[in-house]
Amino acid sequence: MIAKLKEVFDRAEKWPEEMQRELAEIANEIDREVAEGVYNPTAAELRAIEEAIAAVDRGEIATEAEVEAVFAKNRRA
């Protein structure tokens, strides 16, 4: 088990029971998908992917260099 996952599970032991149930449901869903060897994205996930691709096509996504330039400028300010 990767360290980050173990850390989450360790913290989850202190969560309210309802939140622990929700985490268990999510984990079980992922486990089923892994066992089946197929991931079926939700309609919302597909829309988000399509929107991201369209934004890239329109040139609306900043490059890593552009993002770094903005951060660098604001760090000096």
Protein backbone atom coordinates (compact mmCIF):
# COMPACT_ATOMS: atom_id res chain seq x y z
CA MET A 1 0.00 0.00 0.00
CA ILE A 2 1.36 3.43 -0.86
CA ALA A 3 2.11 5.74 2.04
CA LYS A 4 -0.49 8.38 1.08
CA LEU A 5 -3.26 5.80 1.02
CA LYS A 6 -2.21 4.41 4.39
CA GLU A 7 -2.17 7.94 5.83
CA VAL A 8 -5.72 8.54 4.60
CA PHE A 9 -6.93 5.26 6.07
CA ASP A 10 -5.22 6.08 9.37
CA ARG A 11 -6.97 9.46 9.51
CA ALA A 12 -10.26 7.92 8.36
CA GLU A 13 -10.38 5.83 11.53
CA LYS A 14 -11.24 9.07 13.35
CA TRP A 15 -13.90 10.18 10.85
CA PRO A 16 -17.61 10.00 11.63
CA GLU A 17 -19.09 6.59 10.81
CA GLU A 18 -21.12 7.93 7.87
CA MET A 19 -17.98 9.32 6.21
CA GLN A 20 -16.21 5.99 6.76
CA ARG A 21 -19.12 4.22 5.03
CA GLU A 22 -18.86 6.62 2.10
CA LEU A 23 -15.11 5.97 1.77
CA ALA A 24 -15.77 2.22 1.90
CA GLU A 25 -18.38 2.51 -0.87
CA ILE A 26 -15.96 4.44 -3.07
CA ALA A 27 -13.19 1.92 -2.40
CA ASN A 28 -15.54 -0.97 -3.21
CA GLU A 29 -16.55 0.69 -6.48
CA ILE A 30 -12.90 1.12 -7.47
CA ASP A 31 -12.20 -2.49 -6.46
CA ARG A 32 -15.02 -3.75 -8.70
CA GLU A 33 -13.69 -1.72 -11.62
CA VAL A 34 -10.18 -3.07 -11.10
CA ALA A 35 -11.49 -6.63 -10.87
CA GLU A 36 -13.49 -6.17 -14.08
CA GLY A 37 -10.54 -4.56 -15.81
CA VAL A 38 -12.79 -1.82 -17.13
CA TYR A 39 -13.36 1.73 -15.98
CA ASN A 40 -16.62 3.33 -17.01
CA PRO A 41 -16.49 7.09 -16.53
CA THR A 42 -19.60 8.86 -15.36
CA ALA A 43 -21.47 11.25 -17.63
CA ALA A 44 -20.08 14.14 -15.56
CA GLU A 45 -16.51 12.87 -16.01
CA LEU A 46 -17.01 12.54 -19.77
CA ARG A 47 -18.39 16.09 -19.96
CA ALA A 48 -15.42 17.40 -17.96
CA ILE A 49 -13.00 15.64 -20.31
CA GLU A 50 -14.79 17.02 -23.36
CA GLU A 51 -14.77 20.54 -21.86
CA ALA A 52 -11.06 20.30 -21.08
CA ILE A 53 -10.26 19.13 -24.61
CA ALA A 54 -12.35 21.97 -26.07
CA ALA A 55 -10.57 24.50 -23.83
CA VAL A 56 -7.20 23.23 -25.04
CA ASP A 57 -8.38 23.42 -28.65
CA ARG A 58 -9.49 27.03 -28.09
CA GLY A 59 -6.10 27.89 -26.55
CA GLU A 60 -7.63 28.64 -23.16
CA ILE A 61 -5.23 26.49 -21.17
CA ALA A 62 -2.01 28.14 -20.04
CA THR A 63 1.26 26.37 -20.61
CA GLU A 64 3.41 25.39 -17.67
CA ALA A 65 5.80 28.21 -18.57
CA GLU A 66 2.95 30.75 -18.63
CA VAL A 67 1.72 29.63 -15.23
CA GLU A 68 5.21 29.81 -13.77
CA ALA A 69 5.66 33.31 -15.20
CA VAL A 70 2.49 34.49 -13.43
CA PHE A 71 3.60 32.94 -10.15
CA ALA A 72 7.08 34.41 -10.49
CA LYS A 73 5.65 37.88 -11.18
CA ASN A 74 3.33 37.70 -8.17
CA ARG A 75 6.05 36.38 -5.86
CA ARG A 76 8.05 39.59 -6.52
CA ALA A 77 5.07 41.83 -5.89
